[in-house]
Amino acid sequence: MPHDKTLRKLTNFDTDKQCFACGPENEAGLRMEFFTDGETVYSWLKVPPHLCGWRQIVHGGIVTAIMDEVMSWTAHHLLRKIILTKSIQVEFHRPLRVDREIRVEGRICSLTGENEAELEATILDAADRAYASARATFALLTARVALRLGVIDDRLAENFEQFLSTPTD
């Protein structure tokens, strides 16, 4: 969990609260919470045993989902855009076991176009050992475009617009 008093907790603007990764009401999910220092987005969590692959090792798809989620929140809160993952490349450095306290970090690498960005994520333990890292390209969408594409509904678009009108620290 975050020990740094300079970190700001980020707002979850999702309306149904059922997202597998960040939904606080998804009983089977990860219930990730996010914090930022303005440059990096962080989450601390333990992956529950029901998400293991074999031998209590976290399934690779779950590891990927965790990093995709922190990069998504990084884009939402630091770039202030709705996103769609276009591509993701994952490198697994060592097996990650369930019920181990981990820290996930997301950062913006670059804006690769007006509507595209590259981000990176890393999963680390308390000793700063890396378990996995990822680099992804995201399509950056306004709420209006996301609504038109059917990515979000009217209620989520309204929540996101309210989020955008809230000043950042």
N, C-alpha and C. Protein backbone atom coordinates (compact mmCIF):
# COMPACT_ATOMS: atom_id res chain seq x y z
N MET A 1 0.83 -1.18 0.00
CA MET A 1 0.00 0.00 0.00
C MET A 1 0.88 1.24 0.00
N PRO A 2 0.34 2.36 -0.49
CA PRO A 2 1.18 3.56 -0.59
C PRO A 2 1.56 4.10 0.79
N HIS A 3 2.82 4.41 0.93
CA HIS A 3 3.31 5.00 2.17
C HIS A 3 3.72 6.45 1.94
N ASP A 4 3.78 6.87 0.72
CA ASP A 4 4.22 8.21 0.37
C ASP A 4 3.05 9.18 0.47
N LYS A 5 3.18 10.16 1.35
CA LYS A 5 2.10 11.12 1.58
C LYS A 5 1.90 12.07 0.39
N THR A 6 2.86 12.12 -0.53
CA THR A 6 2.73 13.03 -1.67
C THR A 6 1.89 12.42 -2.80
N LEU A 7 1.51 11.16 -2.68
CA LEU A 7 0.70 10.53 -3.71
C LEU A 7 -0.77 10.93 -3.55
N ARG A 8 -1.42 11.13 -4.68
CA ARG A 8 -2.84 11.48 -4.70
C ARG A 8 -3.63 10.28 -5.19
N LYS A 9 -4.70 9.92 -4.45
CA LYS A 9 -5.54 8.81 -4.87
C LYS A 9 -6.36 9.27 -6.08
N LEU A 10 -6.47 8.38 -7.08
CA LEU A 10 -7.18 8.72 -8.31
C LEU A 10 -8.63 8.26 -8.24
N THR A 11 -9.48 9.03 -8.91
CA THR A 11 -10.92 8.77 -8.93
C THR A 11 -11.27 7.75 -10.00
N ASN A 12 -12.11 6.80 -9.63
CA ASN A 12 -12.64 5.83 -10.58
C ASN A 12 -13.94 6.41 -11.13
N PHE A 13 -13.92 6.81 -12.39
CA PHE A 13 -15.11 7.45 -12.97
C PHE A 13 -16.04 6.44 -13.65
N ASP A 14 -15.70 5.15 -13.60
CA ASP A 14 -16.56 4.13 -14.20
C ASP A 14 -17.90 4.09 -13.48
N THR A 15 -18.96 3.84 -14.20
CA THR A 15 -20.30 3.90 -13.63
C THR A 15 -20.80 2.57 -13.09
N ASP A 16 -20.39 1.45 -13.66
CA ASP A 16 -20.96 0.19 -13.19
C ASP A 16 -20.12 -0.49 -12.11
N LYS A 17 -18.92 -0.04 -11.89
CA LYS A 17 -18.03 -0.54 -10.83
C LYS A 17 -17.77 -2.04 -10.92
N GLN A 18 -17.91 -2.63 -12.14
CA GLN A 18 -17.75 -4.06 -12.32
C GLN A 18 -16.50 -4.44 -13.12
N CYS A 19 -15.66 -3.48 -13.44
CA CYS A 19 -14.45 -3.79 -14.19
C CYS A 19 -13.67 -4.90 -13.47
N PHE A 20 -13.17 -5.88 -14.23
CA PHE A 20 -12.41 -6.98 -13.64
C PHE A 20 -11.21 -6.45 -12.84
N ALA A 21 -10.50 -5.47 -13.37
CA ALA A 21 -9.28 -5.00 -12.73
C ALA A 21 -9.56 -3.97 -11.62
N CYS A 22 -10.40 -2.96 -11.89
CA CYS A 22 -10.55 -1.86 -10.94
C CYS A 22 -11.93 -1.74 -10.32
N GLY A 23 -12.85 -2.60 -10.69
CA GLY A 23 -14.21 -2.49 -10.17
C GLY A 23 -14.31 -2.85 -8.70
N PRO A 24 -14.67 -1.90 -7.85
CA PRO A 24 -14.76 -2.19 -6.41
C PRO A 24 -15.90 -3.14 -6.06
N GLU A 25 -16.84 -3.33 -6.97
CA GLU A 25 -17.98 -4.21 -6.69
C GLU A 25 -17.87 -5.57 -7.40
N ASN A 26 -16.75 -5.82 -8.07
CA ASN A 26 -16.56 -7.10 -8.74
C ASN A 26 -15.91 -8.08 -7.76
N GLU A 27 -16.72 -8.98 -7.22
CA GLU A 27 -16.25 -9.93 -6.21
C GLU A 27 -15.10 -10.82 -6.70
N ALA A 28 -15.08 -11.12 -7.99
CA ALA A 28 -14.05 -12.00 -8.54
C ALA A 28 -12.85 -11.23 -9.08
N GLY A 29 -12.90 -9.90 -9.04
CA GLY A 29 -11.88 -9.07 -9.66
C GLY A 29 -10.71 -8.73 -8.74
N LEU A 30 -9.86 -7.87 -9.24
CA LEU A 30 -8.65 -7.46 -8.52
C LEU A 30 -8.87 -6.26 -7.60
N ARG A 31 -9.89 -5.44 -7.89
CA ARG A 31 -10.22 -4.26 -7.08
C ARG A 31 -9.03 -3.32 -6.91
N MET A 32 -8.32 -3.10 -7.99
CA MET A 32 -7.15 -2.23 -7.96
C MET A 32 -7.56 -0.79 -7.66
N GLU A 33 -6.74 -0.11 -6.87
CA GLU A 33 -6.86 1.32 -6.62
C GLU A 33 -5.59 1.96 -7.12
N PHE A 34 -5.68 3.23 -7.50
CA PHE A 34 -4.55 3.89 -8.15
C PHE A 34 -4.21 5.22 -7.49
N PHE A 35 -2.91 5.54 -7.56
CA PHE A 35 -2.36 6.74 -6.96
C PHE A 35 -1.36 7.34 -7.94
N THR A 36 -1.12 8.64 -7.82
CA THR A 36 -0.13 9.25 -8.71
C THR A 36 0.67 10.33 -7.99
N ASP A 37 1.87 10.53 -8.50
CA ASP A 37 2.69 11.66 -8.09
C ASP A 37 2.73 12.71 -9.20
N GLY A 38 1.92 12.50 -10.23
CA GLY A 38 1.86 13.43 -11.36
C GLY A 38 2.68 12.97 -12.56
N GLU A 39 3.57 12.02 -12.35
CA GLU A 39 4.38 11.48 -13.45
C GLU A 39 4.19 9.98 -13.64
N THR A 40 3.93 9.30 -12.55
CA THR A 40 3.76 7.84 -12.56
C THR A 40 2.45 7.51 -11.87
N VAL A 41 1.79 6.47 -12.33
CA VAL A 41 0.59 5.97 -11.67
C VAL A 41 0.97 4.64 -11.02
N TYR A 42 0.53 4.45 -9.77
CA TYR A 42 0.89 3.30 -8.97
C TYR A 42 -0.36 2.55 -8.50
N SER A 43 -0.20 1.26 -8.29
CA SER A 43 -1.21 0.45 -7.61
C SER A 43 -0.48 -0.61 -6.81
N TRP A 44 -1.00 -0.89 -5.63
CA TRP A 44 -0.47 -1.95 -4.78
C TRP A 44 -1.55 -3.00 -4.63
N LEU A 45 -1.19 -4.26 -4.77
CA LEU A 45 -2.19 -5.31 -4.63
C LEU A 45 -1.54 -6.65 -4.38
N LYS A 46 -2.38 -7.61 -3.99
CA LYS A 46 -2.04 -9.03 -3.91
C LYS A 46 -3.01 -9.72 -4.84
N VAL A 47 -2.51 -10.55 -5.73
CA VAL A 47 -3.38 -11.29 -6.63
C VAL A 47 -3.95 -12.48 -5.86
N PRO A 48 -5.29 -12.62 -5.83
CA PRO A 48 -5.89 -13.71 -5.06
C PRO A 48 -5.64 -15.08 -5.70
N PRO A 49 -5.65 -16.13 -4.89
CA PRO A 49 -5.33 -17.49 -5.37
C PRO A 49 -6.21 -17.99 -6.51
N HIS A 50 -7.45 -17.53 -6.62
CA HIS A 50 -8.31 -18.05 -7.69
C HIS A 50 -7.87 -17.57 -9.08
N LEU A 51 -6.84 -16.72 -9.15
CA LEU A 51 -6.35 -16.23 -10.43
C LEU A 51 -4.99 -16.82 -10.80
N CYS A 52 -4.67 -17.95 -10.21
CA CYS A 52 -3.39 -18.59 -10.54
C CYS A 52 -3.51 -19.41 -11.81
N GLY A 53 -2.37 -19.65 -12.43
CA GLY A 53 -2.29 -20.59 -13.54
C GLY A 53 -2.10 -21.96 -12.91
N TRP A 54 -0.87 -22.32 -12.66
CA TRP A 54 -0.59 -23.58 -11.99
C TRP A 54 0.48 -23.33 -10.94
N ARG A 55 0.51 -24.16 -9.92
CA ARG A 55 1.49 -24.11 -8.84
C ARG A 55 1.54 -22.74 -8.16
N GLN A 56 0.37 -22.11 -8.03
CA GLN A 56 0.23 -20.83 -7.34
C GLN A 56 0.96 -19.67 -8.03
N ILE A 57 1.22 -19.84 -9.32
CA ILE A 57 1.82 -18.77 -10.13
C ILE A 57 0.68 -18.03 -10.81
N VAL A 58 0.72 -16.69 -10.76
CA VAL A 58 -0.32 -15.88 -11.36
C VAL A 58 -0.35 -16.14 -12.86
N HIS A 59 -1.52 -16.36 -13.39
CA HIS A 59 -1.71 -16.61 -14.82
C HIS A 59 -1.16 -15.43 -15.63
N GLY A 60 -0.47 -15.72 -16.72
CA GLY A 60 0.14 -14.69 -17.55
C GLY A 60 -0.85 -13.68 -18.09
N GLY A 61 -2.06 -14.12 -18.36
CA GLY A 61 -3.10 -13.20 -18.82
C GLY A 61 -3.50 -12.21 -17.74
N ILE A 62 -3.48 -12.65 -16.50
CA ILE A 62 -3.79 -11.75 -15.37
C ILE A 62 -2.66 -10.75 -15.20
N VAL A 63 -1.42 -11.20 -15.29
CA VAL A 63 -0.26 -10.30 -15.21
C VAL A 63 -0.38 -9.22 -16.29
N THR A 64 -0.73 -9.63 -17.49
CA THR A 64 -0.89 -8.69 -18.61
C THR A 64 -2.04 -7.72 -18.33
N ALA A 65 -3.16 -8.23 -17.82
CA ALA A 65 -4.31 -7.38 -17.51
C ALA A 65 -3.95 -6.33 -16.46
N ILE A 66 -3.18 -6.70 -15.46
CA ILE A 66 -2.77 -5.75 -14.42
C ILE A 66 -1.97 -4.61 -15.03
N MET A 67 -1.04 -4.93 -15.92
CA MET A 67 -0.22 -3.88 -16.53
C MET A 67 -1.03 -3.04 -17.51
N ASP A 68 -1.93 -3.68 -18.26
CA ASP A 68 -2.80 -2.94 -19.17
C ASP A 68 -3.65 -1.94 -18.38
N GLU A 69 -4.13 -2.37 -17.22
CA GLU A 69 -4.98 -1.48 -16.41
C GLU A 69 -4.21 -0.28 -15.87
N VAL A 70 -3.00 -0.50 -15.36
CA VAL A 70 -2.25 0.65 -14.84
C VAL A 70 -1.89 1.62 -15.96
N MET A 71 -1.61 1.10 -17.15
CA MET A 71 -1.33 1.99 -18.28
C MET A 71 -2.60 2.74 -18.69
N SER A 72 -3.73 2.08 -18.63
CA SER A 72 -5.00 2.74 -18.96
C SER A 72 -5.27 3.89 -17.99
N TRP A 73 -5.12 3.63 -16.71
CA TRP A 73 -5.33 4.68 -15.71
C TRP A 73 -4.31 5.79 -15.87
N THR A 74 -3.10 5.46 -16.29
CA THR A 74 -2.09 6.49 -16.55
C THR A 74 -2.57 7.41 -17.67
N ALA A 75 -3.09 6.84 -18.74
CA ALA A 75 -3.60 7.65 -19.85
C ALA A 75 -4.82 8.45 -19.42
N HIS A 76 -5.76 7.83 -18.69
CA HIS A 76 -6.95 8.54 -18.24
C HIS A 76 -6.58 9.77 -17.41
N HIS A 77 -5.71 9.57 -16.44
CA HIS A 77 -5.46 10.61 -15.45
C HIS A 77 -4.33 11.56 -15.81
N LEU A 78 -3.33 11.10 -16.53
CA LEU A 78 -2.23 12.01 -16.87
C LEU A 78 -2.40 12.63 -18.25
N LEU A 79 -3.01 11.90 -19.19
CA LEU A 79 -3.28 12.45 -20.51
C LEU A 79 -4.73 12.95 -20.63
N ARG A 80 -5.57 12.52 -19.66
CA ARG A 80 -6.98 12.93 -19.58
C ARG A 80 -7.76 12.55 -20.84
N LYS A 81 -7.59 11.28 -21.22
CA LYS A 81 -8.26 10.73 -22.40
C LYS A 81 -8.84 9.36 -22.06
N ILE A 82 -9.86 8.99 -22.78
CA ILE A 82 -10.36 7.61 -22.77
C ILE A 82 -9.47 6.87 -23.76
N ILE A 83 -9.22 5.61 -23.50
CA ILE A 83 -8.26 4.88 -24.34
C ILE A 83 -8.82 3.55 -24.82
N LEU A 84 -8.20 3.06 -25.85
CA LEU A 84 -8.35 1.67 -26.30
C LEU A 84 -6.95 1.14 -26.54
N THR A 85 -6.65 -0.03 -26.01
CA THR A 85 -5.35 -0.64 -26.23
C THR A 85 -5.28 -1.11 -27.68
N LYS A 86 -4.25 -0.65 -28.40
CA LYS A 86 -4.06 -1.07 -29.79
C LYS A 86 -3.12 -2.27 -29.85
N SER A 87 -2.04 -2.20 -29.08
CA SER A 87 -1.09 -3.32 -29.03
C SER A 87 -0.38 -3.30 -27.69
N ILE A 88 0.05 -4.48 -27.27
CA ILE A 88 0.78 -4.59 -26.00
C ILE A 88 1.84 -5.67 -26.15
N GLN A 89 3.03 -5.37 -25.67
CA GLN A 89 4.12 -6.34 -25.67
C GLN A 89 4.54 -6.55 -24.22
N VAL A 90 4.52 -7.81 -23.79
CA VAL A 90 4.80 -8.14 -22.40
C VAL A 90 6.06 -8.99 -22.32
N GLU A 91 6.87 -8.70 -21.31
CA GLU A 91 8.04 -9.52 -21.01
C GLU A 91 7.91 -10.01 -19.58
N PHE A 92 7.97 -11.33 -19.40
CA PHE A 92 7.88 -11.93 -18.08
C PHE A 92 9.31 -12.18 -17.59
N HIS A 93 9.67 -11.58 -16.45
CA HIS A 93 11.04 -11.68 -15.93
C HIS A 93 11.22 -12.83 -14.95
N ARG A 94 10.19 -13.09 -14.15
CA ARG A 94 10.23 -14.19 -13.17
C ARG A 94 8.79 -14.54 -12.79
N PRO A 95 8.56 -15.74 -12.33
CA PRO A 95 7.19 -16.13 -11.96
C PRO A 95 6.68 -15.27 -10.78
N LEU A 96 5.44 -14.85 -10.89
CA LEU A 96 4.79 -14.08 -9.84
C LEU A 96 3.81 -15.00 -9.12
N ARG A 97 3.98 -15.16 -7.84
CA ARG A 97 3.10 -16.04 -7.07
C ARG A 97 1.91 -15.25 -6.52
N VAL A 98 0.80 -15.94 -6.35
CA VAL A 98 -0.38 -15.31 -5.77
C VAL A 98 -0.10 -14.91 -4.32
N ASP A 99 -0.91 -13.99 -3.82
CA ASP A 99 -0.83 -13.49 -2.44
C ASP A 99 0.49 -12.82 -2.10
N ARG A 100 1.22 -12.38 -3.10
CA ARG A 100 2.46 -11.63 -2.87
C ARG A 100 2.16 -10.16 -3.08
N GLU A 101 2.57 -9.32 -2.14
CA GLU A 101 2.37 -7.87 -2.27
C GLU A 101 3.22 -7.36 -3.44
N ILE A 102 2.55 -6.71 -4.39
CA ILE A 102 3.25 -6.15 -5.54
C ILE A 102 2.88 -4.68 -5.72
N ARG A 103 3.74 -3.99 -6.42
CA ARG A 103 3.51 -2.60 -6.83
C ARG A 103 3.55 -2.58 -8.35
N VAL A 104 2.57 -1.93 -8.94
CA VAL A 104 2.52 -1.80 -10.39
C VAL A 104 2.69 -0.32 -10.71
N GLU A 105 3.53 -0.02 -11.68
CA GLU A 105 3.80 1.37 -12.06
C GLU A 105 3.51 1.56 -13.54
N GLY A 106 2.86 2.67 -13.86
CA GLY A 106 2.59 3.02 -15.25
C GLY A 106 3.14 4.40 -15.57
N ARG A 107 3.72 4.53 -16.77
CA ARG A 107 4.32 5.81 -17.20
C ARG A 107 4.03 6.06 -18.67
N ILE A 108 3.98 7.32 -19.02
CA ILE A 108 3.86 7.71 -20.42
C ILE A 108 5.26 7.71 -21.02
N CYS A 109 5.41 7.04 -22.15
CA CYS A 109 6.68 7.06 -22.86
C CYS A 109 6.71 8.21 -23.87
N SER A 110 5.66 8.26 -24.70
CA SER A 110 5.62 9.30 -25.72
C SER A 110 4.24 9.41 -26.33
N LEU A 111 3.97 10.58 -26.86
CA LEU A 111 2.79 10.77 -27.69
C LEU A 111 3.27 10.51 -29.11
N THR A 112 2.69 9.50 -29.74
CA THR A 112 3.18 9.09 -31.05
C THR A 112 2.35 9.65 -32.18
N GLY A 113 1.38 10.46 -31.84
CA GLY A 113 0.51 11.10 -32.81
C GLY A 113 -0.54 11.87 -32.05
N GLU A 114 -1.40 12.57 -32.77
CA GLU A 114 -2.43 13.36 -32.11
C GLU A 114 -3.38 12.50 -31.28
N ASN A 115 -3.62 11.28 -31.74
CA ASN A 115 -4.58 10.41 -31.07
C ASN A 115 -3.97 9.07 -30.65
N GLU A 116 -2.68 9.06 -30.33
CA GLU A 116 -2.01 7.82 -29.99
C GLU A 116 -0.88 8.10 -29.01
N ALA A 117 -0.65 7.15 -28.09
CA ALA A 117 0.44 7.29 -27.12
C ALA A 117 1.03 5.93 -26.82
N GLU A 118 2.30 5.94 -26.44
CA GLU A 118 2.97 4.73 -25.95
C GLU A 118 3.16 4.88 -24.45
N LEU A 119 2.84 3.81 -23.73
CA LEU A 119 3.00 3.78 -22.29
C LEU A 119 3.74 2.52 -21.90
N GLU A 120 4.25 2.51 -20.65
CA GLU A 120 4.94 1.34 -20.15
C GLU A 120 4.48 1.04 -18.73
N ALA A 121 4.62 -0.21 -18.34
CA ALA A 121 4.24 -0.65 -17.00
C ALA A 121 5.24 -1.68 -16.51
N THR A 122 5.37 -1.74 -15.18
CA THR A 122 6.24 -2.72 -14.54
C THR A 122 5.57 -3.23 -13.28
N ILE A 123 5.72 -4.50 -13.03
CA ILE A 123 5.27 -5.10 -11.77
C ILE A 123 6.52 -5.40 -10.95
N LEU A 124 6.54 -4.89 -9.70
CA LEU A 124 7.70 -5.00 -8.82
C LEU A 124 7.26 -5.53 -7.46
N ASP A 125 8.22 -6.11 -6.73
CA ASP A 125 7.93 -6.49 -5.35
C ASP A 125 8.53 -5.44 -4.42
N ALA A 126 8.45 -5.69 -3.11
CA ALA A 126 8.94 -4.72 -2.13
C ALA A 126 10.44 -4.47 -2.24
N ALA A 127 11.18 -5.44 -2.79
CA ALA A 127 12.62 -5.29 -2.97
C ALA A 127 12.96 -4.69 -4.34
N ASP A 128 11.96 -4.19 -5.05
CA ASP A 128 12.12 -3.60 -6.38
C ASP A 128 12.58 -4.59 -7.45
N ARG A 129 12.31 -5.88 -7.24
CA ARG A 129 12.58 -6.88 -8.27
C ARG A 129 11.43 -6.85 -9.28
N ALA A 130 11.77 -6.80 -10.56
CA ALA A 130 10.75 -6.77 -11.60
C ALA A 130 10.27 -8.19 -11.91
N TYR A 131 8.94 -8.35 -11.99
CA TYR A 131 8.34 -9.63 -12.34
C TYR A 131 7.88 -9.64 -13.79
N ALA A 132 7.45 -8.48 -14.27
CA ALA A 132 7.01 -8.37 -15.66
C ALA A 132 7.04 -6.89 -16.05
N SER A 133 7.18 -6.66 -17.34
CA SER A 133 7.10 -5.29 -17.85
C SER A 133 6.35 -5.33 -19.18
N ALA A 134 5.79 -4.20 -19.52
CA ALA A 134 5.02 -4.12 -20.76
C ALA A 134 5.20 -2.75 -21.38
N ARG A 135 5.01 -2.72 -22.67
CA ARG A 135 4.97 -1.47 -23.44
C ARG A 135 3.77 -1.60 -24.36
N ALA A 136 2.96 -0.55 -24.43
CA ALA A 136 1.73 -0.64 -25.21
C ALA A 136 1.48 0.65 -25.97
N THR A 137 0.75 0.51 -27.06
CA THR A 137 0.27 1.65 -27.83
C THR A 137 -1.22 1.76 -27.58
N PHE A 138 -1.68 2.96 -27.28
CA PHE A 138 -3.08 3.23 -26.99
C PHE A 138 -3.64 4.25 -27.95
N ALA A 139 -4.86 4.02 -28.40
CA ALA A 139 -5.62 5.04 -29.11
C ALA A 139 -6.20 5.97 -28.05
N LEU A 140 -6.04 7.28 -28.25
CA LEU A 140 -6.55 8.27 -27.31
C LEU A 140 -7.85 8.83 -27.86
N LEU A 141 -8.90 8.75 -27.06
CA LEU A 141 -10.22 9.16 -27.51
C LEU A 141 -10.81 10.24 -26.62
N THR A 142 -11.54 11.15 -27.20
CA THR A 142 -12.36 12.06 -26.40
C THR A 142 -13.61 11.28 -26.00
N ALA A 143 -14.33 11.78 -25.01
CA ALA A 143 -15.57 11.12 -24.60
C ALA A 143 -16.56 11.09 -25.77
N ARG A 144 -16.61 12.15 -26.56
CA ARG A 144 -17.54 12.21 -27.69
C ARG A 144 -17.23 11.11 -28.71
N VAL A 145 -15.96 10.91 -29.03
CA VAL A 145 -15.58 9.88 -30.00
C VAL A 145 -15.83 8.49 -29.41
N ALA A 146 -15.49 8.29 -28.14
CA ALA A 146 -15.71 6.99 -27.49
C ALA A 146 -17.20 6.65 -27.46
N LEU A 147 -18.03 7.65 -27.24
CA LEU A 147 -19.48 7.46 -27.24
C LEU A 147 -19.97 7.07 -28.64
N ARG A 148 -19.48 7.78 -29.65
CA ARG A 148 -19.87 7.49 -31.03
C ARG A 148 -19.46 6.08 -31.45
N LEU A 149 -18.30 5.62 -30.98
CA LEU A 149 -17.81 4.28 -31.31
C LEU A 149 -18.46 3.18 -30.48
N GLY A 150 -19.25 3.56 -29.49
CA GLY A 150 -19.89 2.58 -28.63
C GLY A 150 -18.98 2.01 -27.56
N VAL A 151 -17.86 2.67 -27.30
CA VAL A 151 -16.91 2.21 -26.28
C VAL A 151 -17.46 2.51 -24.88
N ILE A 152 -18.19 3.62 -24.75
CA ILE A 152 -18.80 4.00 -23.48
C ILE A 152 -20.27 4.35 -23.73
N ASP A 153 -21.04 4.44 -22.65
CA ASP A 153 -22.44 4.84 -22.77
C ASP A 153 -22.59 6.30 -22.32
N ASP A 154 -23.80 6.83 -22.42
CA ASP A 154 -24.05 8.23 -22.07
C ASP A 154 -23.65 8.56 -20.64
N ARG A 155 -23.99 7.66 -19.72
CA ARG A 155 -23.68 7.92 -18.30
C ARG A 155 -22.17 7.97 -18.05
N LEU A 156 -21.43 7.05 -18.65
CA LEU A 156 -19.98 7.06 -18.48
C LEU A 156 -19.36 8.28 -19.17
N ALA A 157 -19.89 8.67 -20.31
CA ALA A 157 -19.40 9.87 -20.99
C ALA A 157 -19.59 11.10 -20.11
N GLU A 158 -20.75 11.18 -19.46
CA GLU A 158 -21.02 12.30 -18.57
C GLU A 158 -20.06 12.28 -17.38
N ASN A 159 -19.85 11.11 -16.78
CA ASN A 159 -18.89 11.00 -15.67
C ASN A 159 -17.49 11.40 -16.10
N PHE A 160 -17.08 10.97 -17.29
CA PHE A 160 -15.74 11.31 -17.76
C PHE A 160 -15.63 12.81 -18.02
N GLU A 161 -16.66 13.42 -18.58
CA GLU A 161 -16.65 14.87 -18.82
C GLU A 161 -16.56 15.63 -17.49
N GLN A 162 -17.27 15.15 -16.47
CA GLN A 162 -17.16 15.77 -15.15
C GLN A 162 -15.76 15.61 -14.58
N PHE A 163 -15.18 14.43 -14.78
CA PHE A 163 -13.81 14.18 -14.35
C PHE A 163 -12.85 15.16 -15.04
N LEU A 164 -13.03 15.37 -16.34
CA LEU A 164 -12.16 16.29 -17.07
C LEU A 164 -12.30 17.73 -16.60
N SER A 165 -13.46 18.10 -16.12
CA SER A 165 -13.66 19.48 -15.68
C SER A 165 -13.10 19.72 -14.28
N THR A 166 -12.69 18.65 -13.59
CA THR A 166 -12.09 18.77 -12.26
C THR A 166 -10.61 19.09 -12.43
N PRO A 167 -10.14 20.18 -11.83
CA PRO A 167 -8.71 20.52 -11.97
C PRO A 167 -7.82 19.45 -11.33
N THR A 168 -6.65 19.25 -11.91
CA THR A 168 -5.66 18.34 -11.33
C THR A 168 -4.78 19.13 -10.38
N ASP A 169 -4.12 18.42 -9.49
CA ASP A 169 -3.22 19.09 -8.53
C ASP A 169 -1.98 19.61 -9.21
